[in-house]
Full PDB file with SEQRES, HELIX, SHEET, SSBOND, CRYST1, ORIGX, SCALE, CONECT and MASTER records, all heavy atoms in Angstrom:
SEQRES   1 A   37  VAL ARG GLU ALA LYS GLU MET VAL LYS ALA PHE HIS ASP          
SEQRES   2 A   37  ARG GLY ILE GLY VAL ILE MET ASP VAL VAL PHE ASN HIS          
SEQRES   3 A   37  THR PHE LYS THR ILE ASP SER ASN LEU ASN THR                  
HELIX    1 AA1 ARG A    2  HIS A   12  1                                  11    
CRYST1    1.000    1.000    1.000  90.00  90.00  90.00 P 1           1          
ORIGX1      1.000000  0.000000  0.000000        0.00000                         
ORIGX2      0.000000  1.000000  0.000000        0.00000                         
ORIGX3      0.000000  0.000000  1.000000        0.00000                         
SCALE1      1.000000  0.000000  0.000000        0.00000                         
SCALE2      0.000000  1.000000  0.000000        0.00000                         
SCALE3      0.000000  0.000000  1.000000        0.00000                         
ATOM      1  N   VAL A   1     -68.171 -33.824  44.715  1.00  0.00           N  
ATOM      2  CA  VAL A   1     -68.529 -32.787  43.676  1.00  0.00           C  
ATOM      3  C   VAL A   1     -67.316 -31.925  43.355  1.00  0.00           C  
ATOM      4  O   VAL A   1     -66.968 -31.703  42.231  1.00  0.00           O  
ATOM      5  CB  VAL A   1     -69.739 -31.969  44.091  1.00  0.00           C  
ATOM      6  CG1 VAL A   1     -70.041 -30.876  43.093  1.00  0.00           C  
ATOM      7  CG2 VAL A   1     -70.985 -32.829  44.347  1.00  0.00           C  
ATOM      8  N   ARG A   2     -66.743 -31.445  44.414  1.00  0.00           N  
ATOM      9  CA  ARG A   2     -65.560 -30.519  44.267  1.00  0.00           C  
ATOM     10  C   ARG A   2     -64.407 -31.271  43.585  1.00  0.00           C  
ATOM     11  O   ARG A   2     -63.749 -30.707  42.694  1.00  0.00           O  
ATOM     12  CB  ARG A   2     -65.088 -29.976  45.619  1.00  0.00           C  
ATOM     13  CG  ARG A   2     -63.962 -29.046  45.505  1.00  0.00           C  
ATOM     14  CD  ARG A   2     -63.558 -28.478  46.914  1.00  0.00           C  
ATOM     15  NE  ARG A   2     -64.635 -27.849  47.631  1.00  0.00           N  
ATOM     16  CZ  ARG A   2     -65.272 -28.363  48.650  1.00  0.00           C  
ATOM     17  NH1 ARG A   2     -64.930 -29.500  49.097  1.00  0.00           N  
ATOM     18  NH2 ARG A   2     -66.281 -27.607  49.185  1.00  0.00           N  
ATOM     19  N   GLU A   3     -64.165 -32.509  43.972  1.00  0.00           N  
ATOM     20  CA  GLU A   3     -62.973 -33.204  43.441  1.00  0.00           C  
ATOM     21  C   GLU A   3     -63.253 -33.688  42.000  1.00  0.00           C  
ATOM     22  O   GLU A   3     -62.265 -33.797  41.229  1.00  0.00           O  
ATOM     23  CB  GLU A   3     -62.706 -34.426  44.344  1.00  0.00           C  
ATOM     24  CG  GLU A   3     -62.135 -33.925  45.775  1.00  0.00           C  
ATOM     25  CD  GLU A   3     -61.919 -35.063  46.724  1.00  0.00           C  
ATOM     26  OE1 GLU A   3     -62.064 -36.246  46.351  1.00  0.00           O  
ATOM     27  OE2 GLU A   3     -61.598 -34.733  47.910  1.00  0.00           O  
ATOM     28  N   ALA A   4     -64.488 -34.014  41.541  1.00  0.00           N  
ATOM     29  CA  ALA A   4     -64.813 -34.260  40.209  1.00  0.00           C  
ATOM     30  C   ALA A   4     -64.504 -33.086  39.397  1.00  0.00           C  
ATOM     31  O   ALA A   4     -63.927 -33.129  38.293  1.00  0.00           O  
ATOM     32  CB  ALA A   4     -66.208 -34.701  40.095  1.00  0.00           C  
ATOM     33  N   LYS A   5     -64.855 -31.963  39.847  1.00  0.00           N  
ATOM     34  CA  LYS A   5     -64.580 -30.642  39.174  1.00  0.00           C  
ATOM     35  C   LYS A   5     -63.045 -30.375  39.023  1.00  0.00           C  
ATOM     36  O   LYS A   5     -62.622 -29.905  38.045  1.00  0.00           O  
ATOM     37  CB  LYS A   5     -65.238 -29.536  39.808  1.00  0.00           C  
ATOM     38  CG  LYS A   5     -66.774 -29.559  39.658  1.00  0.00           C  
ATOM     39  CD  LYS A   5     -67.466 -28.327  40.400  1.00  0.00           C  
ATOM     40  CE  LYS A   5     -69.013 -28.360  40.188  1.00  0.00           C  
ATOM     41  NZ  LYS A   5     -69.663 -27.237  40.928  1.00  0.00           N  
ATOM     42  N   GLU A   6     -62.358 -30.728  40.160  1.00  0.00           N  
ATOM     43  CA  GLU A   6     -60.861 -30.558  40.110  1.00  0.00           C  
ATOM     44  C   GLU A   6     -60.263 -31.410  39.014  1.00  0.00           C  
ATOM     45  O   GLU A   6     -59.436 -30.987  38.217  1.00  0.00           O  
ATOM     46  CB  GLU A   6     -60.285 -31.045  41.411  1.00  0.00           C  
ATOM     47  CG  GLU A   6     -60.577 -30.062  42.638  1.00  0.00           C  
ATOM     48  CD  GLU A   6     -59.507 -28.974  42.753  1.00  0.00           C  
ATOM     49  OE1 GLU A   6     -58.729 -28.731  41.794  1.00  0.00           O  
ATOM     50  OE2 GLU A   6     -59.478 -28.415  43.848  1.00  0.00           O  
ATOM     51  N   MET A   7     -60.758 -32.556  38.815  1.00  0.00           N  
ATOM     52  CA  MET A   7     -60.289 -33.529  37.759  1.00  0.00           C  
ATOM     53  C   MET A   7     -60.620 -32.870  36.417  1.00  0.00           C  
ATOM     54  O   MET A   7     -59.633 -32.801  35.493  1.00  0.00           O  
ATOM     55  CB  MET A   7     -60.942 -34.890  37.816  1.00  0.00           C  
ATOM     56  CG  MET A   7     -60.580 -35.848  36.759  1.00  0.00           C  
ATOM     57  SD  MET A   7     -61.626 -37.311  36.678  1.00  0.00           S  
ATOM     58  CE  MET A   7     -63.116 -36.570  35.973  1.00  0.00           C  
ATOM     59  N   VAL A   8     -61.831 -32.476  36.159  1.00  0.00           N  
ATOM     60  CA  VAL A   8     -62.195 -31.850  34.849  1.00  0.00           C  
ATOM     61  C   VAL A   8     -61.260 -30.594  34.589  1.00  0.00           C  
ATOM     62  O   VAL A   8     -60.716 -30.434  33.464  1.00  0.00           O  
ATOM     63  CB  VAL A   8     -63.661 -31.437  34.796  1.00  0.00           C  
ATOM     64  CG1 VAL A   8     -63.962 -30.687  33.517  1.00  0.00           C  
ATOM     65  CG2 VAL A   8     -64.579 -32.693  34.933  1.00  0.00           C  
ATOM     66  N   LYS A   9     -61.119 -29.777  35.612  1.00  0.00           N  
ATOM     67  CA  LYS A   9     -60.316 -28.605  35.462  1.00  0.00           C  
ATOM     68  C   LYS A   9     -58.812 -28.889  35.105  1.00  0.00           C  
ATOM     69  O   LYS A   9     -58.222 -28.160  34.239  1.00  0.00           O  
ATOM     70  CB  LYS A   9     -60.324 -27.692  36.727  1.00  0.00           C  
ATOM     71  CG  LYS A   9     -59.631 -26.421  36.573  1.00  0.00           C  
ATOM     72  CD  LYS A   9     -59.818 -25.529  37.838  1.00  0.00           C  
ATOM     73  CE  LYS A   9     -59.183 -24.092  37.599  1.00  0.00           C  
ATOM     74  NZ  LYS A   9     -57.789 -24.161  37.390  1.00  0.00           N  
ATOM     75  N   ALA A  10     -58.312 -29.919  35.769  1.00  0.00           N  
ATOM     76  CA  ALA A  10     -56.909 -30.343  35.391  1.00  0.00           C  
ATOM     77  C   ALA A  10     -56.813 -30.701  33.945  1.00  0.00           C  
ATOM     78  O   ALA A  10     -55.782 -30.276  33.341  1.00  0.00           O  
ATOM     79  CB  ALA A  10     -56.518 -31.463  36.304  1.00  0.00           C  
ATOM     80  N   PHE A  11     -57.732 -31.364  33.364  1.00  0.00           N  
ATOM     81  CA  PHE A  11     -57.695 -31.694  31.957  1.00  0.00           C  
ATOM     82  C   PHE A  11     -57.870 -30.375  31.174  1.00  0.00           C  
ATOM     83  O   PHE A  11     -57.108 -30.150  30.155  1.00  0.00           O  
ATOM     84  CB  PHE A  11     -58.765 -32.686  31.555  1.00  0.00           C  
ATOM     85  CG  PHE A  11     -58.378 -34.118  31.981  1.00  0.00           C  
ATOM     86  CD1 PHE A  11     -59.131 -34.796  32.880  1.00  0.00           C  
ATOM     87  CD2 PHE A  11     -57.248 -34.717  31.492  1.00  0.00           C  
ATOM     88  CE1 PHE A  11     -58.785 -36.111  33.316  1.00  0.00           C  
ATOM     89  CE2 PHE A  11     -56.938 -36.055  31.846  1.00  0.00           C  
ATOM     90  CZ  PHE A  11     -57.699 -36.731  32.827  1.00  0.00           C  
ATOM     91  N   HIS A  12     -58.901 -29.612  31.534  1.00  0.00           N  
ATOM     92  CA  HIS A  12     -59.139 -28.363  30.763  1.00  0.00           C  
ATOM     93  C   HIS A  12     -57.960 -27.415  30.742  1.00  0.00           C  
ATOM     94  O   HIS A  12     -57.636 -26.800  29.706  1.00  0.00           O  
ATOM     95  CB  HIS A  12     -60.385 -27.708  31.329  1.00  0.00           C  
ATOM     96  CG  HIS A  12     -61.641 -28.329  30.862  1.00  0.00           C  
ATOM     97  ND1 HIS A  12     -62.902 -27.785  31.213  1.00  0.00           N  
ATOM     98  CD2 HIS A  12     -61.863 -29.398  30.111  1.00  0.00           C  
ATOM     99  CE1 HIS A  12     -63.870 -28.589  30.733  1.00  0.00           C  
ATOM    100  NE2 HIS A  12     -63.225 -29.541  30.101  1.00  0.00           N  
ATOM    101  N   ASP A  13     -57.217 -27.355  31.928  1.00  0.00           N  
ATOM    102  CA  ASP A  13     -56.067 -26.452  32.024  1.00  0.00           C  
ATOM    103  C   ASP A  13     -54.931 -26.888  31.033  1.00  0.00           C  
ATOM    104  O   ASP A  13     -54.165 -26.085  30.704  1.00  0.00           O  
ATOM    105  CB  ASP A  13     -55.535 -26.501  33.375  1.00  0.00           C  
ATOM    106  CG  ASP A  13     -56.330 -25.761  34.382  1.00  0.00           C  
ATOM    107  OD1 ASP A  13     -57.313 -24.959  33.984  1.00  0.00           O  
ATOM    108  OD2 ASP A  13     -56.153 -25.890  35.559  1.00  0.00           O  
ATOM    109  N   ARG A  14     -55.048 -28.111  30.606  1.00  0.00           N  
ATOM    110  CA  ARG A  14     -54.069 -28.632  29.621  1.00  0.00           C  
ATOM    111  C   ARG A  14     -54.631 -28.767  28.241  1.00  0.00           C  
ATOM    112  O   ARG A  14     -53.977 -29.416  27.396  1.00  0.00           O  
ATOM    113  CB  ARG A  14     -53.494 -29.980  30.097  1.00  0.00           C  
ATOM    114  CG  ARG A  14     -52.623 -29.830  31.355  1.00  0.00           C  
ATOM    115  CD  ARG A  14     -52.508 -31.122  32.205  1.00  0.00           C  
ATOM    116  NE  ARG A  14     -51.684 -30.823  33.366  1.00  0.00           N  
ATOM    117  CZ  ARG A  14     -52.068 -30.233  34.418  1.00  0.00           C  
ATOM    118  NH1 ARG A  14     -53.351 -29.699  34.570  1.00  0.00           N  
ATOM    119  NH2 ARG A  14     -51.186 -30.013  35.437  1.00  0.00           N  
ATOM    120  N   GLY A  15     -55.778 -28.132  28.052  1.00  0.00           N  
ATOM    121  CA  GLY A  15     -56.384 -28.132  26.698  1.00  0.00           C  
ATOM    122  C   GLY A  15     -57.012 -29.479  26.229  1.00  0.00           C  
ATOM    123  O   GLY A  15     -57.240 -29.673  25.030  1.00  0.00           O  
ATOM    124  N   ILE A  16     -57.360 -30.297  27.235  1.00  0.00           N  
ATOM    125  CA  ILE A  16     -57.895 -31.632  26.937  1.00  0.00           C  
ATOM    126  C   ILE A  16     -59.405 -31.651  27.405  1.00  0.00           C  
ATOM    127  O   ILE A  16     -59.737 -31.325  28.486  1.00  0.00           O  
ATOM    128  CB  ILE A  16     -57.152 -32.709  27.730  1.00  0.00           C  
ATOM    129  CG1 ILE A  16     -55.633 -32.714  27.242  1.00  0.00           C  
ATOM    130  CG2 ILE A  16     -57.784 -34.097  27.533  1.00  0.00           C  
ATOM    131  CD1 ILE A  16     -54.683 -33.594  28.145  1.00  0.00           C  
ATOM    132  N   GLY A  17     -60.276 -32.107  26.496  1.00  0.00           N  
ATOM    133  CA  GLY A  17     -61.716 -32.221  26.810  1.00  0.00           C  
ATOM    134  C   GLY A  17     -61.982 -33.467  27.601  1.00  0.00           C  
ATOM    135  O   GLY A  17     -61.237 -34.389  27.522  1.00  0.00           O  
ATOM    136  N   VAL A  18     -63.130 -33.456  28.266  1.00  0.00           N  
ATOM    137  CA  VAL A  18     -63.530 -34.607  29.045  1.00  0.00           C  
ATOM    138  C   VAL A  18     -64.919 -35.106  28.510  1.00  0.00           C  
ATOM    139  O   VAL A  18     -65.830 -34.355  28.505  1.00  0.00           O  
ATOM    140  CB  VAL A  18     -63.655 -34.212  30.560  1.00  0.00           C  
ATOM    141  CG1 VAL A  18     -64.139 -35.491  31.328  1.00  0.00           C  
ATOM    142  CG2 VAL A  18     -62.348 -33.811  31.081  1.00  0.00           C  
ATOM    143  N   ILE A  19     -64.930 -36.378  28.094  1.00  0.00           N  
ATOM    144  CA  ILE A  19     -66.131 -37.052  27.673  1.00  0.00           C  
ATOM    145  C   ILE A  19     -66.557 -37.965  28.735  1.00  0.00           C  
ATOM    146  O   ILE A  19     -65.825 -38.769  29.291  1.00  0.00           O  
ATOM    147  CB  ILE A  19     -65.936 -37.775  26.357  1.00  0.00           C  
ATOM    148  CG1 ILE A  19     -65.508 -36.757  25.219  1.00  0.00           C  
ATOM    149  CG2 ILE A  19     -67.120 -38.588  25.940  1.00  0.00           C  
ATOM    150  CD1 ILE A  19     -65.020 -37.460  23.970  1.00  0.00           C  
ATOM    151  N   MET A  20     -67.847 -37.999  29.081  1.00  0.00           N  
ATOM    152  CA  MET A  20     -68.430 -38.809  30.172  1.00  0.00           C  
ATOM    153  C   MET A  20     -69.249 -39.941  29.605  1.00  0.00           C  
ATOM    154  O   MET A  20     -70.036 -39.884  28.698  1.00  0.00           O  
ATOM    155  CB  MET A  20     -69.301 -37.943  31.038  1.00  0.00           C  
ATOM    156  CG  MET A  20     -69.908 -38.520  32.210  1.00  0.00           C  
ATOM    157  SD  MET A  20     -70.889 -37.304  33.123  1.00  0.00           S  
ATOM    158  CE  MET A  20     -71.745 -38.338  34.286  1.00  0.00           C  
ATOM    159  N   ASP A  21     -68.867 -41.187  30.159  1.00  0.00           N  
ATOM    160  CA  ASP A  21     -69.566 -42.324  29.720  1.00  0.00           C  
ATOM    161  C   ASP A  21     -70.916 -42.449  30.514  1.00  0.00           C  
ATOM    162  O   ASP A  21     -70.901 -42.377  31.802  1.00  0.00           O  
ATOM    163  CB  ASP A  21     -68.708 -43.560  30.076  1.00  0.00           C  
ATOM    164  CG  ASP A  21     -69.088 -44.868  29.363  1.00  0.00           C  
ATOM    165  OD1 ASP A  21     -70.281 -44.952  28.963  1.00  0.00           O  
ATOM    166  OD2 ASP A  21     -68.254 -45.709  29.181  1.00  0.00           O  
ATOM    167  N   VAL A  22     -71.969 -42.491  29.832  1.00  0.00           N  
ATOM    168  CA  VAL A  22     -73.349 -42.450  30.509  1.00  0.00           C  
ATOM    169  C   VAL A  22     -74.146 -43.715  30.201  1.00  0.00           C  
ATOM    170  O   VAL A  22     -73.991 -44.301  29.104  1.00  0.00           O  
ATOM    171  CB  VAL A  22     -74.149 -41.202  30.196  1.00  0.00           C  
ATOM    172  CG1 VAL A  22     -73.516 -39.975  30.774  1.00  0.00           C  
ATOM    173  CG2 VAL A  22     -74.305 -41.063  28.664  1.00  0.00           C  
ATOM    174  N   VAL A  23     -74.879 -44.181  31.210  1.00  0.00           N  
ATOM    175  CA  VAL A  23     -75.601 -45.432  31.086  1.00  0.00           C  
ATOM    176  C   VAL A  23     -77.115 -45.177  31.390  1.00  0.00           C  
ATOM    177  O   VAL A  23     -77.544 -45.280  32.419  1.00  0.00           O  
ATOM    178  CB  VAL A  23     -75.052 -46.516  32.086  1.00  0.00           C  
ATOM    179  CG1 VAL A  23     -75.771 -47.857  31.886  1.00  0.00           C  
ATOM    180  CG2 VAL A  23     -73.524 -46.674  31.903  1.00  0.00           C  
ATOM    181  N   PHE A  24     -77.828 -44.771  30.301  1.00  0.00           N  
ATOM    182  CA  PHE A  24     -79.242 -44.519  30.452  1.00  0.00           C  
ATOM    183  C   PHE A  24     -80.047 -45.726  29.910  1.00  0.00           C  
ATOM    184  O   PHE A  24     -81.249 -45.542  29.666  1.00  0.00           O  
ATOM    185  CB  PHE A  24     -79.587 -43.246  29.717  1.00  0.00           C  
ATOM    186  CG  PHE A  24     -78.990 -41.993  30.307  1.00  0.00           C  
ATOM    187  CD1 PHE A  24     -78.069 -41.201  29.727  1.00  0.00           C  
ATOM    188  CD2 PHE A  24     -79.410 -41.545  31.564  1.00  0.00           C  
ATOM    189  CE1 PHE A  24     -77.577 -40.062  30.191  1.00  0.00           C  
ATOM    190  CE2 PHE A  24     -78.916 -40.430  32.181  1.00  0.00           C  
ATOM    191  CZ  PHE A  24     -77.953 -39.646  31.492  1.00  0.00           C  
ATOM    192  N   ASN A  25     -79.405 -46.813  29.596  1.00  0.00           N  
ATOM    193  CA  ASN A  25     -80.171 -47.846  29.012  1.00  0.00           C  
ATOM    194  C   ASN A  25     -80.755 -48.816  30.037  1.00  0.00           C  
ATOM    195  O   ASN A  25     -81.686 -49.518  29.896  1.00  0.00           O  
ATOM    196  CB  ASN A  25     -79.241 -48.762  28.094  1.00  0.00           C  
ATOM    197  CG  ASN A  25     -78.072 -49.317  28.786  1.00  0.00           C  
ATOM    198  OD1 ASN A  25     -78.131 -50.321  29.549  1.00  0.00           O  
ATOM    199  ND2 ASN A  25     -76.914 -48.741  28.651  1.00  0.00           N  
ATOM    200  N   HIS A  26     -80.230 -48.761  31.354  1.00  0.00           N  
ATOM    201  CA  HIS A  26     -80.788 -49.546  32.365  1.00  0.00           C  
ATOM    202  C   HIS A  26     -80.424 -48.950  33.765  1.00  0.00           C  
ATOM    203  O   HIS A  26     -79.578 -48.133  33.837  1.00  0.00           O  
ATOM    204  CB  HIS A  26     -80.333 -51.093  32.335  1.00  0.00           C  
ATOM    205  CG  HIS A  26     -78.958 -51.222  32.876  1.00  0.00           C  
ATOM    206  ND1 HIS A  26     -77.793 -50.852  32.084  1.00  0.00           N  
ATOM    207  CD2 HIS A  26     -78.522 -51.768  34.021  1.00  0.00           C  
ATOM    208  CE1 HIS A  26     -76.721 -51.170  32.771  1.00  0.00           C  
ATOM    209  NE2 HIS A  26     -77.095 -51.723  33.934  1.00  0.00           N  
ATOM    210  N   THR A  27     -81.007 -49.519  34.864  1.00  0.00           N  
ATOM    211  CA  THR A  27     -80.613 -49.229  36.226  1.00  0.00           C  
ATOM    212  C   THR A  27     -80.127 -50.398  36.793  1.00  0.00           C  
ATOM    213  O   THR A  27     -80.561 -51.613  36.523  1.00  0.00           O  
ATOM    214  CB  THR A  27     -81.770 -48.579  37.009  1.00  0.00           C  
ATOM    215  OG1 THR A  27     -82.918 -49.422  36.933  1.00  0.00           O  
ATOM    216  CG2 THR A  27     -82.152 -47.169  36.484  1.00  0.00           C  
ATOM    217  N   PHE A  28     -79.270 -50.393  37.849  1.00  0.00           N  
ATOM    218  CA  PHE A  28     -78.780 -51.516  38.539  1.00  0.00           C  
ATOM    219  C   PHE A  28     -79.923 -52.276  39.302  1.00  0.00           C  
ATOM    220  O   PHE A  28     -80.107 -53.395  39.160  1.00  0.00           O  
ATOM    221  CB  PHE A  28     -77.713 -51.136  39.537  1.00  0.00           C  
ATOM    222  CG  PHE A  28     -77.187 -52.301  40.344  1.00  0.00           C  
ATOM    223  CD1 PHE A  28     -76.357 -53.273  39.739  1.00  0.00           C  
ATOM    224  CD2 PHE A  28     -77.500 -52.444  41.668  1.00  0.00           C  
ATOM    225  CE1 PHE A  28     -75.824 -54.397  40.490  1.00  0.00           C  
ATOM    226  CE2 PHE A  28     -76.987 -53.583  42.391  1.00  0.00           C  
ATOM    227  CZ  PHE A  28     -76.192 -54.470  41.811  1.00  0.00           C  
ATOM    228  N   LYS A  29     -80.707 -51.420  40.015  1.00  0.00           N  
ATOM    229  CA  LYS A  29     -81.906 -52.040  40.628  1.00  0.00           C  
ATOM    230  C   LYS A  29     -83.120 -51.924  39.725  1.00  0.00           C  
ATOM    231  O   LYS A  29     -83.141 -51.130  38.800  1.00  0.00           O  
ATOM    232  CB  LYS A  29     -82.294 -51.266  41.954  1.00  0.00           C  
ATOM    233  CG  LYS A  29     -81.137 -51.241  42.946  1.00  0.00           C  
ATOM    234  CD  LYS A  29     -81.500 -50.282  44.137  1.00  0.00           C  
ATOM    235  CE  LYS A  29     -80.331 -50.201  45.111  1.00  0.00           C  
ATOM    236  NZ  LYS A  29     -80.697 -49.191  46.199  1.00  0.00           N  
ATOM    237  N   THR A  30     -84.144 -52.756  39.977  1.00  0.00           N  
ATOM    238  CA  THR A  30     -85.322 -52.724  39.148  1.00  0.00           C  
ATOM    239  C   THR A  30     -86.537 -52.461  39.965  1.00  0.00           C  
ATOM    240  O   THR A  30     -86.941 -51.255  40.212  1.00  0.00           O  
ATOM    241  CB  THR A  30     -85.454 -53.957  38.340  1.00  0.00           C  
ATOM    242  OG1 THR A  30     -84.281 -54.149  37.463  1.00  0.00           O  
ATOM    243  CG2 THR A  30     -86.731 -53.906  37.428  1.00  0.00           C  
ATOM    244  N   ILE A  31     -87.100 -53.489  40.525  1.00  0.00           N  
ATOM    245  CA  ILE A  31     -88.353 -53.315  41.353  1.00  0.00           C  
ATOM    246  C   ILE A  31     -88.099 -52.336  42.557  1.00  0.00           C  
ATOM    247  O   ILE A  31     -88.969 -51.502  42.840  1.00  0.00           O  
ATOM    248  CB  ILE A  31     -88.824 -54.714  41.881  1.00  0.00           C  
ATOM    249  CG1 ILE A  31     -89.265 -55.542  40.741  1.00  0.00           C  
ATOM    250  CG2 ILE A  31     -89.920 -54.492  42.909  1.00  0.00           C  
ATOM    251  CD1 ILE A  31     -89.698 -56.960  41.130  1.00  0.00           C  
ATOM    252  N   ASP A  32     -86.939 -52.441  43.137  1.00  0.00           N  
ATOM    253  CA  ASP A  32     -86.659 -51.615  44.347  1.00  0.00           C  
ATOM    254  C   ASP A  32     -85.842 -50.385  44.042  1.00  0.00           C  
ATOM    255  O   ASP A  32     -85.312 -49.749  44.926  1.00  0.00           O  
ATOM    256  CB  ASP A  32     -86.029 -52.455  45.418  1.00  0.00           C  
ATOM    257  CG  ASP A  32     -84.612 -53.036  44.942  1.00  0.00           C  
ATOM    258  OD1 ASP A  32     -84.397 -53.060  43.717  1.00  0.00           O  
ATOM    259  OD2 ASP A  32     -83.872 -53.379  45.827  1.00  0.00           O  
ATOM    260  N   SER A  33     -85.777 -49.986  42.763  1.00  0.00           N  
ATOM    261  CA  SER A  33     -84.946 -48.822  42.415  1.00  0.00           C  
ATOM    262  C   SER A  33     -85.817 -47.660  42.887  1.00  0.00           C  
ATOM    263  O   SER A  33     -87.033 -47.642  42.994  1.00  0.00           O  
ATOM    264  CB  SER A  33     -84.742 -48.717  40.942  1.00  0.00           C  
ATOM    265  OG  SER A  33     -85.949 -48.514  40.186  1.00  0.00           O  
ATOM    266  N   ASN A  34     -85.136 -46.509  43.017  1.00  0.00           N  
ATOM    267  CA  ASN A  34     -85.844 -45.252  43.364  1.00  0.00           C  
ATOM    268  C   ASN A  34     -86.880 -44.848  42.318  1.00  0.00           C  
ATOM    269  O   ASN A  34     -87.934 -44.449  42.558  1.00  0.00           O  
ATOM    270  CB  ASN A  34     -84.905 -44.076  43.709  1.00  0.00           C  
ATOM    271  CG  ASN A  34     -83.870 -43.782  42.601  1.00  0.00           C  
ATOM    272  OD1 ASN A  34     -83.982 -44.329  41.483  1.00  0.00           O  
ATOM    273  ND2 ASN A  34     -82.871 -42.907  42.916  1.00  0.00           N  
ATOM    274  N   LEU A  35     -86.472 -45.064  41.063  1.00  0.00           N  
ATOM    275  CA  LEU A  35     -87.413 -44.717  39.969  1.00  0.00           C  
ATOM    276  C   LEU A  35     -88.619 -45.559  39.978  1.00  0.00           C  
ATOM    277  O   LEU A  35     -89.734 -45.054  39.858  1.00  0.00           O  
ATOM    278  CB  LEU A  35     -86.612 -44.906  38.603  1.00  0.00           C  
ATOM    279  CG  LEU A  35     -85.430 -43.937  38.341  1.00  0.00           C  
ATOM    280  CD1 LEU A  35     -84.757 -44.345  37.106  1.00  0.00           C  
ATOM    281  CD2 LEU A  35     -85.855 -42.544  38.291  1.00  0.00           C  
ATOM    282  N   ASN A  36     -88.505 -46.880  40.063  1.00  0.00           N  
ATOM    283  CA  ASN A  36     -89.602 -47.772  40.000  1.00  0.00           C  
ATOM    284  C   ASN A  36     -90.446 -47.657  41.297  1.00  0.00           C  
ATOM    285  O   ASN A  36     -91.682 -47.790  41.214  1.00  0.00           O  
ATOM    286  CB  ASN A  36     -89.260 -49.197  39.830  1.00  0.00           C  
ATOM    287  CG  ASN A  36     -90.439 -50.058  39.502  1.00  0.00           C  
ATOM    288  OD1 ASN A  36     -91.060 -49.970  38.501  1.00  0.00           O  
ATOM    289  ND2 ASN A  36     -90.731 -50.998  40.462  1.00  0.00           N  
ATOM    290  N   THR A  37     -89.887 -47.353  42.391  1.00  0.00           N  
ATOM    291  CA  THR A  37     -90.645 -47.191  43.654  1.00  0.00           C  
ATOM    292  C   THR A  37     -91.493 -45.941  43.581  1.00  0.00           C  
ATOM    293  O   THR A  37     -92.623 -45.930  44.009  1.00  0.00           O  
ATOM    294  CB  THR A  37     -89.746 -47.125  44.856  1.00  0.00           C  
ATOM    295  OG1 THR A  37     -88.917 -48.276  44.921  1.00  0.00           O  
ATOM    296  CG2 THR A  37     -90.475 -46.972  46.191  1.00  0.00           C  
TER     297      THR A  37                                                      
MASTER        0    0    0    1    0    0    0    6  296    1    0    3          
END                                                                             
């Protein structure tokens, strides 16, 4: 958590925004995923 924030801050300190790639279309697991369980 701390190191992910360090990365974001390093970009922000240089005036660069950070866009995050998100995958809400599927999960890796299906039947045994935490969501389906």
